[in-house]
């Protein structure tokens, strides 16, 4: 039976250069089109960590060299990454659909995601972005621009930005309309462009929304049957990297909470994936999240592999 599926692709799976990415997305398109060809409605979300960092660094470097008049604000860097990655994905998926004789449109929606201006994350920026600097340069940039700069793993100083939780997807009705028309939709790229509402208006804010949380929120809003969070391993595991490592076929939210208390899942890696999957599974009876590899997604939907997070 066909399903409405949100697929969350990792930014690191897309490549670090435009040329590498263009090649990688041709391979990425094949298992996605397998799901479309099987009759499923597919919505694609993606990360943008390497890509938005590249854009931010390029603009900052050009501004420092006086080649351009100013650097690019972070929300605009996110928007640029959505367009650039979306173009590559819609091109590759469209070509793969055409090669198989499947008549479907593919469209990218530049997506704003609402966050709460009072989210505690704004008081504790944690997400490193952009270039590395020596301490003197970092101090100067912090003084000039008001950035929060921190030392990052011995590699230098970087700007850190908040990572607030998503509340709403502004363009959700556009996504729904495209789905109704049979279009394959690429949306909430990089977690979406974070916006806050002030006096009835939306304003971009320098932050990064975790793409797994944004994907889960989108999946709720479009009433998806399944959220597929793609990662570098076939299954979620406990005791990861130890002799008694164990892959999980099924993970209930209650079990997940217990494992989180035991610190079984690495922050910034598997933890947000499990938390996003839990949130989606608990949002409505019958909803299932799947965490697995891209090329195992079809088998995962059939219940043959991956970790299914469900009530």
C-alpha atoms as a PDB file:
ATOM      1  CA  UNK A   1       0.000   0.000   0.000  1.00  0.00           C
ATOM      2  CA  UNK A   2       1.353   3.435  -0.924  1.00  0.00           C
ATOM      3  CA  UNK A   3       2.495   5.767   1.845  1.00  0.00           C
ATOM      4  CA  UNK A   4       3.214   9.447   2.281  1.00  0.00           C
ATOM      5  CA  UNK A   5       6.880   9.499   3.273  1.00  0.00           C
ATOM      6  CA  UNK A   6       9.215  12.279   4.418  1.00  0.00           C
ATOM      7  CA  UNK A   7      12.865  11.393   3.777  1.00  0.00           C
ATOM      8  CA  UNK A   8      15.535  13.300   5.736  1.00  0.00           C
ATOM      9  CA  UNK A   9      18.873  13.250   3.900  1.00  0.00           C
ATOM     10  CA  UNK A  10      22.045  14.195   5.774  1.00  0.00           C
ATOM     11  CA  UNK A  11      24.028  17.214   4.539  1.00  0.00           C
ATOM     12  CA  UNK A  12      27.254  15.236   4.694  1.00  0.00           C
ATOM     13  CA  UNK A  13      25.781  12.698   2.252  1.00  0.00           C
ATOM     14  CA  UNK A  14      25.496  15.405  -0.386  1.00  0.00           C
ATOM     15  CA  UNK A  15      29.162  16.263  -0.895  1.00  0.00           C
ATOM     16  CA  UNK A  16      31.547  19.095  -0.036  1.00  0.00           C
ATOM     17  CA  UNK A  17      31.889  20.655  -3.494  1.00  0.00           C
ATOM     18  CA  UNK A  18      29.329  21.354  -6.230  1.00  0.00           C
ATOM     19  CA  UNK A  19      31.012  18.801  -8.497  1.00  0.00           C
ATOM     20  CA  UNK A  20      31.125  16.080  -5.833  1.00  0.00           C
ATOM     21  CA  UNK A  21      27.526  16.809  -4.887  1.00  0.00           C
ATOM     22  CA  UNK A  22      26.251  16.655  -8.459  1.00  0.00           C
ATOM     23  CA  UNK A  23      27.789  13.191  -8.801  1.00  0.00           C
ATOM     24  CA  UNK A  24      26.545  11.966  -5.410  1.00  0.00           C
ATOM     25  CA  UNK A  25      22.935  13.069  -5.928  1.00  0.00           C
ATOM     26  CA  UNK A  26      22.716  10.983  -9.112  1.00  0.00           C
ATOM     27  CA  UNK A  27      23.282   7.945  -6.893  1.00  0.00           C
ATOM     28  CA  UNK A  28      21.022   9.324  -4.162  1.00  0.00           C
ATOM     29  CA  UNK A  29      18.200   9.739  -6.691  1.00  0.00           C
ATOM     30  CA  UNK A  30      17.978   6.030  -7.548  1.00  0.00           C
ATOM     31  CA  UNK A  31      16.684   4.647  -4.204  1.00  0.00           C
ATOM     32  CA  UNK A  32      14.421   7.704  -3.846  1.00  0.00           C
ATOM     33  CA  UNK A  33      12.892   7.051  -7.260  1.00  0.00           C
ATOM     34  CA  UNK A  34      12.509   3.369  -6.315  1.00  0.00           C
ATOM     35  CA  UNK A  35      10.125   4.549  -3.580  1.00  0.00           C
ATOM     36  CA  UNK A  36       8.279   6.905  -5.941  1.00  0.00           C
ATOM     37  CA  UNK A  37       7.993   4.183  -8.613  1.00  0.00           C
ATOM     38  CA  UNK A  38       6.461   1.891  -5.972  1.00  0.00           C
ATOM     39  CA  UNK A  39       3.590   4.392  -5.665  1.00  0.00           C
ATOM     40  CA  UNK A  40       4.630   6.330  -2.567  1.00  0.00           C
ATOM     41  CA  UNK A  41       4.260  10.094  -2.158  1.00  0.00           C
ATOM     42  CA  UNK A  42       7.749  11.338  -1.332  1.00  0.00           C
ATOM     43  CA  UNK A  43       8.824  14.591   0.325  1.00  0.00           C
ATOM     44  CA  UNK A  44      12.579  15.165   0.645  1.00  0.00           C
ATOM     45  CA  UNK A  45      14.256  17.158   3.397  1.00  0.00           C
ATOM     46  CA  UNK A  46      18.011  17.537   3.682  1.00  0.00           C
ATOM     47  CA  UNK A  47      20.827  18.857   5.809  1.00  0.00           C
ATOM     48  CA  UNK A  48      23.162  21.637   4.671  1.00  0.00           C
ATOM     49  CA  UNK A  49      26.016  21.701   7.204  1.00  0.00           C
ATOM     50  CA  UNK A  50      28.988  21.555   4.818  1.00  0.00           C
ATOM     51  CA  UNK A  51      27.209  23.574   2.137  1.00  0.00           C
ATOM     52  CA  UNK A  52      26.016  26.482   4.277  1.00  0.00           C
ATOM     53  CA  UNK A  53      29.459  26.607   5.890  1.00  0.00           C
ATOM     54  CA  UNK A  54      31.053  26.840   2.440  1.00  0.00           C
ATOM     55  CA  UNK A  55      28.718  29.673   1.409  1.00  0.00           C
ATOM     56  CA  UNK A  56      29.221  31.513   4.693  1.00  0.00           C
ATOM     57  CA  UNK A  57      32.998  31.131   4.480  1.00  0.00           C
ATOM     58  CA  UNK A  58      33.109  32.270   0.842  1.00  0.00           C
ATOM     59  CA  UNK A  59      31.079  35.384   1.573  1.00  0.00           C
ATOM     60  CA  UNK A  60      33.043  36.172   4.743  1.00  0.00           C
ATOM     61  CA  UNK A  61      36.361  35.743   2.946  1.00  0.00           C
ATOM     62  CA  UNK A  62      35.235  37.961   0.073  1.00  0.00           C
ATOM     63  CA  UNK A  63      34.061  40.630   2.523  1.00  0.00           C
ATOM     64  CA  UNK A  64      37.334  40.479   4.486  1.00  0.00           C
ATOM     65  CA  UNK A  65      39.229  40.946   1.194  1.00  0.00           C
ATOM     66  CA  UNK A  66      36.948  43.921   0.295  1.00  0.00           C
ATOM     67  CA  UNK A  67      35.884  42.095  -2.875  1.00  0.00           C
ATOM     68  CA  UNK A  68      32.230  42.575  -1.856  1.00  0.00           C
ATOM     69  CA  UNK A  69      30.685  45.318   0.260  1.00  0.00           C
ATOM     70  CA  UNK A  70      29.492  43.129   3.130  1.00  0.00           C
ATOM     71  CA  UNK A  71      29.306  39.547   4.254  1.00  0.00           C
ATOM     72  CA  UNK A  72      26.072  37.559   3.839  1.00  0.00           C
ATOM     73  CA  UNK A  73      23.678  37.270   6.812  1.00  0.00           C
ATOM     74  CA  UNK A  74      23.246  33.699   7.988  1.00  0.00           C
ATOM     75  CA  UNK A  75      19.537  33.293   7.046  1.00  0.00           C
ATOM     76  CA  UNK A  76      20.433  34.323   3.493  1.00  0.00           C
ATOM     77  CA  UNK A  77      23.274  31.754   3.433  1.00  0.00           C
ATOM     78  CA  UNK A  78      20.699  29.131   4.411  1.00  0.00           C
ATOM     79  CA  UNK A  79      18.380  30.254   1.625  1.00  0.00           C
ATOM     80  CA  UNK A  80      21.220  30.075  -0.897  1.00  0.00           C
ATOM     81  CA  UNK A  81      22.050  26.538   0.233  1.00  0.00           C
ATOM     82  CA  UNK A  82      18.398  25.483  -0.146  1.00  0.00           C
ATOM     83  CA  UNK A  83      18.379  26.682  -3.747  1.00  0.00           C
ATOM     84  CA  UNK A  84      21.738  25.151  -4.633  1.00  0.00           C
ATOM     85  CA  UNK A  85      21.096  21.733  -3.051  1.00  0.00           C
ATOM     86  CA  UNK A  86      17.468  21.721  -4.195  1.00  0.00           C
ATOM     87  CA  UNK A  87      18.502  22.354  -7.799  1.00  0.00           C
ATOM     88  CA  UNK A  88      20.897  19.396  -7.716  1.00  0.00           C
ATOM     89  CA  UNK A  89      18.321  17.094  -6.129  1.00  0.00           C
ATOM     90  CA  UNK A  90      15.440  18.055  -8.395  1.00  0.00           C
ATOM     91  CA  UNK A  91      17.683  17.752 -11.440  1.00  0.00           C
ATOM     92  CA  UNK A  92      18.940  14.276 -10.466  1.00  0.00           C
ATOM     93  CA  UNK A  93      15.535  12.958  -9.341  1.00  0.00           C
ATOM     94  CA  UNK A  94      13.824  14.448 -12.405  1.00  0.00           C
ATOM     95  CA  UNK A  95      16.348  12.833 -14.734  1.00  0.00           C
ATOM     96  CA  UNK A  96      15.996   9.452 -12.991  1.00  0.00           C
ATOM     97  CA  UNK A  97      12.183   9.642 -13.177  1.00  0.00           C
ATOM     98  CA  UNK A  98      12.353  10.511 -16.885  1.00  0.00           C
ATOM     99  CA  UNK A  99      14.794   7.644 -17.551  1.00  0.00           C
ATOM    100  CA  UNK A 100      12.238   5.242 -16.064  1.00  0.00           C
ATOM    101  CA  UNK A 101       9.312   6.757 -17.927  1.00  0.00           C
ATOM    102  CA  UNK A 102       7.682   8.160 -14.782  1.00  0.00           C
ATOM    103  CA  UNK A 103       5.858  11.423 -15.549  1.00  0.00           C
ATOM    104  CA  UNK A 104       6.242  13.476 -12.367  1.00  0.00           C
ATOM    105  CA  UNK A 105       7.360  17.003 -11.595  1.00  0.00           C
ATOM    106  CA  UNK A 106       9.970  17.740  -8.934  1.00  0.00           C
ATOM    107  CA  UNK A 107      10.062  21.113  -7.163  1.00  0.00           C
ATOM    108  CA  UNK A 108      12.123  22.787  -4.459  1.00  0.00           C
ATOM    109  CA  UNK A 109      10.397  25.095  -1.984  1.00  0.00           C
ATOM    110  CA  UNK A 110      12.600  27.710  -0.295  1.00  0.00           C
ATOM    111  CA  UNK A 111      11.229  27.146   3.184  1.00  0.00           C
ATOM    112  CA  UNK A 112      10.983  29.312   6.283  1.00  0.00           C
ATOM    113  CA  UNK A 113      10.591  27.523   9.612  1.00  0.00           C
ATOM    114  CA  UNK A 114       9.129  29.350  12.595  1.00  0.00           C
ATOM    115  CA  UNK A 115      11.018  29.291  15.889  1.00  0.00           C
ATOM    116  CA  UNK A 116      10.228  30.922  19.226  1.00  0.00           C
ATOM    117  CA  UNK A 117      12.235  34.075  19.943  1.00  0.00           C
ATOM    118  CA  UNK A 118      12.081  33.041  23.622  1.00  0.00           C
ATOM    119  CA  UNK A 119      13.574  29.587  22.939  1.00  0.00           C
ATOM    120  CA  UNK A 120      16.351  29.052  25.555  1.00  0.00           C
ATOM    121  CA  UNK A 121      18.677  28.018  22.697  1.00  0.00           C
ATOM    122  CA  UNK A 122      19.057  31.711  21.800  1.00  0.00           C
ATOM    123  CA  UNK A 123      20.763  32.295  25.147  1.00  0.00           C
ATOM    124  CA  UNK A 124      23.172  29.396  24.605  1.00  0.00           C
ATOM    125  CA  UNK A 125      24.513  29.282  21.031  1.00  0.00           C
ATOM    126  CA  UNK A 126      26.079  25.874  20.356  1.00  0.00           C
ATOM    127  CA  UNK A 127      26.165  25.255  16.593  1.00  0.00           C
ATOM    128  CA  UNK A 128      29.580  26.068  15.000  1.00  0.00           C
ATOM    129  CA  UNK A 129      29.386  27.623  11.528  1.00  0.00           C
ATOM    130  CA  UNK A 130      31.696  29.201   8.994  1.00  0.00           C
ATOM    131  CA  UNK A 131      35.439  29.782   9.019  1.00  0.00           C
ATOM    132  CA  UNK A 132      38.142  29.114  11.609  1.00  0.00           C
ATOM    133  CA  UNK A 133      40.038  32.160  12.935  1.00  0.00           C
ATOM    134  CA  UNK A 134      42.940  32.835  15.261  1.00  0.00           C
ATOM    135  CA  UNK A 135      42.013  34.369  18.606  1.00  0.00           C
ATOM    136  CA  UNK A 136      42.955  37.932  17.656  1.00  0.00           C
ATOM    137  CA  UNK A 137      40.806  37.869  14.516  1.00  0.00           C
ATOM    138  CA  UNK A 138      37.956  36.113  16.344  1.00  0.00           C
ATOM    139  CA  UNK A 139      37.972  38.789  19.072  1.00  0.00           C
ATOM    140  CA  UNK A 140      37.905  41.549  16.459  1.00  0.00           C
ATOM    141  CA  UNK A 141      34.973  39.951  14.575  1.00  0.00           C
ATOM    142  CA  UNK A 142      33.081  39.419  17.841  1.00  0.00           C
ATOM    143  CA  UNK A 143      33.569  43.092  18.764  1.00  0.00           C
ATOM    144  CA  UNK A 144      32.621  44.385  15.293  1.00  0.00           C
ATOM    145  CA  UNK A 145      29.631  42.145  14.577  1.00  0.00           C
ATOM    146  CA  UNK A 146      28.444  40.946  17.963  1.00  0.00           C
ATOM    147  CA  UNK A 147      29.073  37.293  17.091  1.00  0.00           C
ATOM    148  CA  UNK A 148      29.682  34.635  19.728  1.00  0.00           C
ATOM    149  CA  UNK A 149      33.057  33.070  18.914  1.00  0.00           C
ATOM    150  CA  UNK A 150      34.337  29.894  20.609  1.00  0.00           C
ATOM    151  CA  UNK A 151      37.409  27.695  20.369  1.00  0.00           C
ATOM    152  CA  UNK A 152      36.508  24.575  18.370  1.00  0.00           C
ATOM    153  CA  UNK A 153      38.406  21.324  19.044  1.00  0.00           C
ATOM    154  CA  UNK A 154      41.860  22.902  18.836  1.00  0.00           C
ATOM    155  CA  UNK A 155      41.325  24.000  15.226  1.00  0.00           C
ATOM    156  CA  UNK A 156      40.767  27.689  15.908  1.00  0.00           C
ATOM    157  CA  UNK A 157      37.854  29.956  16.781  1.00  0.00           C
ATOM    158  CA  UNK A 158      34.477  29.869  15.035  1.00  0.00           C
ATOM    159  CA  UNK A 159      31.161  31.601  15.259  1.00  0.00           C
ATOM    160  CA  UNK A 160      28.470  29.643  17.085  1.00  0.00           C
ATOM    161  CA  UNK A 161      24.766  30.226  16.489  1.00  0.00           C
ATOM    162  CA  UNK A 162      21.661  29.023  18.347  1.00  0.00           C
ATOM    163  CA  UNK A 163      19.831  25.803  17.399  1.00  0.00           C
ATOM    164  CA  UNK A 164      16.181  26.414  18.379  1.00  0.00           C
ATOM    165  CA  UNK A 165      13.362  23.868  17.980  1.00  0.00           C
ATOM    166  CA  UNK A 166      10.955  24.236  15.028  1.00  0.00           C
ATOM    167  CA  UNK A 167       7.375  25.280  15.781  1.00  0.00           C
ATOM    168  CA  UNK A 168       5.813  25.535  12.326  1.00  0.00           C
ATOM    169  CA  UNK A 169       6.670  25.366   8.623  1.00  0.00           C
ATOM    170  CA  UNK A 170       5.518  28.609   7.011  1.00  0.00           C
ATOM    171  CA  UNK A 171       5.151  27.154   3.511  1.00  0.00           C
ATOM    172  CA  UNK A 172       3.276  24.005   4.638  1.00  0.00           C
ATOM    173  CA  UNK A 173       0.186  24.835   2.564  1.00  0.00           C
ATOM    174  CA  UNK A 174       2.350  25.234  -0.538  1.00  0.00           C
ATOM    175  CA  UNK A 175       3.902  21.821   0.152  1.00  0.00           C
ATOM    176  CA  UNK A 176       0.433  20.289   0.584  1.00  0.00           C
ATOM    177  CA  UNK A 177      -0.778  21.829  -2.687  1.00  0.00           C
ATOM    178  CA  UNK A 178       2.231  20.467  -4.568  1.00  0.00           C
ATOM    179  CA  UNK A 179       1.691  17.005  -3.085  1.00  0.00           C
ATOM    180  CA  UNK A 180      -1.967  17.118  -4.120  1.00  0.00           C
ATOM    181  CA  UNK A 181      -0.801  17.886  -7.668  1.00  0.00           C
ATOM    182  CA  UNK A 182       1.448  14.800  -7.601  1.00  0.00           C
ATOM    183  CA  UNK A 183       4.717  16.721  -7.356  1.00  0.00           C
ATOM    184  CA  UNK A 184       7.798  15.351  -5.605  1.00  0.00           C
ATOM    185  CA  UNK A 185       8.691  18.109  -3.120  1.00  0.00           C
ATOM    186  CA  UNK A 186      12.090  19.102  -1.719  1.00  0.00           C
ATOM    187  CA  UNK A 187      11.607  21.296   1.343  1.00  0.00           C
ATOM    188  CA  UNK A 188      12.876  22.402   4.815  1.00  0.00           C
ATOM    189  CA  UNK A 189      16.406  22.249   3.406  1.00  0.00           C
ATOM    190  CA  UNK A 190      19.015  22.524   6.148  1.00  0.00           C
ATOM    191  CA  UNK A 191      16.218  22.518   8.715  1.00  0.00           C
ATOM    192  CA  UNK A 192      14.620  25.523   7.033  1.00  0.00           C
ATOM    193  CA  UNK A 193      15.455  29.223   7.240  1.00  0.00           C
ATOM    194  CA  UNK A 194      14.800  30.133  10.901  1.00  0.00           C
ATOM    195  CA  UNK A 195      12.311  32.964  11.292  1.00  0.00           C
ATOM    196  CA  UNK A 196      10.712  34.601  14.310  1.00  0.00           C
ATOM    197  CA  UNK A 197       7.400  36.462  14.376  1.00  0.00           C
ATOM    198  CA  UNK A 198       7.346  40.031  15.653  1.00  0.00           C
ATOM    199  CA  UNK A 199       4.317  42.331  15.379  1.00  0.00           C
ATOM    200  CA  UNK A 200       2.726  39.958  12.883  1.00  0.00           C
ATOM    201  CA  UNK A 201       5.765  39.899  10.589  1.00  0.00           C
ATOM    202  CA  UNK A 202       8.411  37.241   9.987  1.00  0.00           C
ATOM    203  CA  UNK A 203      12.101  38.043  10.379  1.00  0.00           C
ATOM    204  CA  UNK A 204      15.064  35.803   9.584  1.00  0.00           C
ATOM    205  CA  UNK A 205      17.299  35.067  12.548  1.00  0.00           C
ATOM    206  CA  UNK A 206      20.889  33.760  12.654  1.00  0.00           C
ATOM    207  CA  UNK A 207      20.382  30.175  13.814  1.00  0.00           C
ATOM    208  CA  UNK A 208      20.488  26.593  12.555  1.00  0.00           C
ATOM    209  CA  UNK A 209      17.505  24.283  13.057  1.00  0.00           C
ATOM    210  CA  UNK A 210      18.373  20.592  13.285  1.00  0.00           C
ATOM    211  CA  UNK A 211      17.141  19.061  10.020  1.00  0.00           C
ATOM    212  CA  UNK A 212      15.853  15.916  11.735  1.00  0.00           C
ATOM    213  CA  UNK A 213      13.589  17.956  14.046  1.00  0.00           C
ATOM    214  CA  UNK A 214      12.447  20.102  11.105  1.00  0.00           C
ATOM    215  CA  UNK A 215      11.764  16.964   9.043  1.00  0.00           C
ATOM    216  CA  UNK A 216       9.706  15.477  11.888  1.00  0.00           C
ATOM    217  CA  UNK A 217       7.704  18.701  12.240  1.00  0.00           C
ATOM    218  CA  UNK A 218       7.080  18.781   8.486  1.00  0.00           C
ATOM    219  CA  UNK A 219       6.035  15.109   8.525  1.00  0.00           C
ATOM    220  CA  UNK A 220       3.475  15.916  11.242  1.00  0.00           C
ATOM    221  CA  UNK A 221       2.108  18.927   9.359  1.00  0.00           C
ATOM    222  CA  UNK A 222       1.623  17.100   6.040  1.00  0.00           C
ATOM    223  CA  UNK A 223       0.174  14.045   7.842  1.00  0.00           C
ATOM    224  CA  UNK A 224       2.878  11.666   6.621  1.00  0.00           C
ATOM    225  CA  UNK A 225       2.611   7.960   7.347  1.00  0.00           C
ATOM    226  CA  UNK A 226       6.337   7.543   7.756  1.00  0.00           C
ATOM    227  CA  UNK A 227       9.438   9.598   8.497  1.00  0.00           C
ATOM    228  CA  UNK A 228      12.670   8.078   7.202  1.00  0.00           C
ATOM    229  CA  UNK A 229      15.814   9.514   8.793  1.00  0.00           C
ATOM    230  CA  UNK A 230      18.865   8.461   6.832  1.00  0.00           C
ATOM    231  CA  UNK A 231      22.205   8.012   8.501  1.00  0.00           C
ATOM    232  CA  UNK A 232      25.562   6.262   8.095  1.00  0.00           C
ATOM    233  CA  UNK A 233      24.488   3.034   9.819  1.00  0.00           C
ATOM    234  CA  UNK A 234      21.842   0.430   8.985  1.00  0.00           C
ATOM    235  CA  UNK A 235      20.336   0.375  12.491  1.00  0.00           C
ATOM    236  CA  UNK A 236      20.381   2.341  15.714  1.00  0.00           C
ATOM    237  CA  UNK A 237      22.598   0.526  18.194  1.00  0.00           C
ATOM    238  CA  UNK A 238      23.120   0.460  21.926  1.00  0.00           C
ATOM    239  CA  UNK A 239      26.619   0.010  23.333  1.00  0.00           C
ATOM    240  CA  UNK A 240      27.852   1.390  20.016  1.00  0.00           C
ATOM    241  CA  UNK A 241      31.472   0.524  19.228  1.00  0.00           C
ATOM    242  CA  UNK A 242      31.730  -1.942  22.133  1.00  0.00           C
ATOM    243  CA  UNK A 243      32.013  -5.756  22.015  1.00  0.00           C
ATOM    244  CA  UNK A 244      28.365  -6.075  23.117  1.00  0.00           C
ATOM    245  CA  UNK A 245      27.013  -3.630  20.503  1.00  0.00           C
ATOM    246  CA  UNK A 246      23.418  -4.469  19.620  1.00  0.00           C
ATOM    247  CA  UNK A 247      21.393  -3.211  16.663  1.00  0.00           C
ATOM    248  CA  UNK A 248      17.744  -2.424  17.375  1.00  0.00           C
ATOM    249  CA  UNK A 249      14.955  -3.586  15.052  1.00  0.00           C
ATOM    250  CA  UNK A 250      12.190  -1.772  16.943  1.00  0.00           C
ATOM    251  CA  UNK A 251      12.500   1.110  19.388  1.00  0.00           C
ATOM    252  CA  UNK A 252       9.534   2.370  21.411  1.00  0.00           C
ATOM    253  CA  UNK A 253       9.576   5.950  22.713  1.00  0.00           C
ATOM    254  CA  UNK A 254       9.675   4.622  26.303  1.00  0.00           C
ATOM    255  CA  UNK A 255      12.718   2.455  25.549  1.00  0.00           C
ATOM    256  CA  UNK A 256      14.323   5.361  23.708  1.00  0.00           C
ATOM    257  CA  UNK A 257      13.914   7.601  26.767  1.00  0.00           C
ATOM    258  CA  UNK A 258      15.570   4.956  28.933  1.00  0.00           C
ATOM    259  CA  UNK A 259      18.517   4.661  26.518  1.00  0.00           C
ATOM    260  CA  UNK A 260      18.833   8.459  26.339  1.00  0.00           C
ATOM    261  CA  UNK A 261      19.096   8.584  30.140  1.00  0.00           C
ATOM    262  CA  UNK A 262      21.877   5.986  29.848  1.00  0.00           C
ATOM    263  CA  UNK A 263      23.605   8.285  27.299  1.00  0.00           C
ATOM    264  CA  UNK A 264      23.542   5.544  24.662  1.00  0.00           C
ATOM    265  CA  UNK A 265      23.215   7.998  21.748  1.00  0.00           C
ATOM    266  CA  UNK A 266      25.873  10.553  20.838  1.00  0.00           C
ATOM    267  CA  UNK A 267      24.808  14.238  20.978  1.00  0.00           C
ATOM    268  CA  UNK A 268      24.976  15.886  17.559  1.00  0.00           C
ATOM    269  CA  UNK A 269      24.901  12.462  15.900  1.00  0.00           C
ATOM    270  CA  UNK A 270      22.360   9.728  16.708  1.00  0.00           C
ATOM    271  CA  UNK A 271      20.670  11.524  19.626  1.00  0.00           C
ATOM    272  CA  UNK A 272      18.722  14.140  17.605  1.00  0.00           C
ATOM    273  CA  UNK A 273      17.700  11.456  15.097  1.00  0.00           C
ATOM    274  CA  UNK A 274      16.228   9.291  17.849  1.00  0.00           C
ATOM    275  CA  UNK A 275      14.548  12.298  19.517  1.00  0.00           C
ATOM    276  CA  UNK A 276      13.017  13.454  16.215  1.00  0.00           C
ATOM    277  CA  UNK A 277      11.828   9.914  15.448  1.00  0.00           C
ATOM    278  CA  UNK A 278      10.251   9.641  18.921  1.00  0.00           C
ATOM    279  CA  UNK A 279       8.428  12.940  18.478  1.00  0.00           C
ATOM    280  CA  UNK A 280       6.945  11.876  15.152  1.00  0.00           C
ATOM    281  CA  UNK A 281       5.955   8.388  16.382  1.00  0.00           C
ATOM    282  CA  UNK A 282       4.154   9.914  19.382  1.00  0.00           C
ATOM    283  CA  UNK A 283       2.414  12.667  17.386  1.00  0.00           C
ATOM    284  CA  UNK A 284      -0.422  10.430  16.110  1.00  0.00           C
ATOM    285  CA  UNK A 285      -1.346   6.743  16.395  1.00  0.00           C
ATOM    286  CA  UNK A 286       0.034   4.615  13.562  1.00  0.00           C
ATOM    287  CA  UNK A 287       2.905   6.897  12.631  1.00  0.00           C
ATOM    288  CA  UNK A 288       6.261   5.173  12.208  1.00  0.00           C
ATOM    289  CA  UNK A 289       9.772   6.572  11.933  1.00  0.00           C
ATOM    290  CA  UNK A 290      12.556   4.552  10.316  1.00  0.00           C
ATOM    291  CA  UNK A 291      16.272   5.159  10.868  1.00  0.00           C
ATOM    292  CA  UNK A 292      18.540   3.437   8.342  1.00  0.00           C
ATOM    293  CA  UNK A 293      20.838   3.751   5.312  1.00  0.00           C
ATOM    294  CA  UNK A 294      19.549   5.316   2.088  1.00  0.00           C
ATOM    295  CA  UNK A 295      20.039   2.162   0.040  1.00  0.00           C
ATOM    296  CA  UNK A 296      18.155   0.159   2.681  1.00  0.00           C
ATOM    297  CA  UNK A 297      15.122   2.475   2.794  1.00  0.00           C
ATOM    298  CA  UNK A 298      12.906   0.285   0.578  1.00  0.00           C
ATOM    299  CA  UNK A 299      13.725  -2.816   2.639  1.00  0.00           C
ATOM    300  CA  UNK A 300      13.160  -0.807   5.800  1.00  0.00           C
ATOM    301  CA  UNK A 301       9.671   0.233   4.714  1.00  0.00           C
ATOM    302  CA  UNK A 302       8.955  -3.467   4.147  1.00  0.00           C
ATOM    303  CA  UNK A 303      10.123  -4.191   7.710  1.00  0.00           C
ATOM    304  CA  UNK A 304      13.213  -6.123   6.649  1.00  0.00           C
ATOM    305  CA  UNK A 305      15.896  -3.873   8.141  1.00  0.00           C
ATOM    306  CA  UNK A 306      16.557  -0.546   9.845  1.00  0.00           C
ATOM    307  CA  UNK A 307      15.268   0.602  13.223  1.00  0.00           C
ATOM    308  CA  UNK A 308      11.536   1.296  13.387  1.00  0.00           C
ATOM    309  CA  UNK A 309      10.541   3.825  16.046  1.00  0.00           C
ATOM    310  CA  UNK A 310       6.887   3.299  16.888  1.00  0.00           C
ATOM    311  CA  UNK A 311       4.380   3.156  19.740  1.00  0.00           C
END
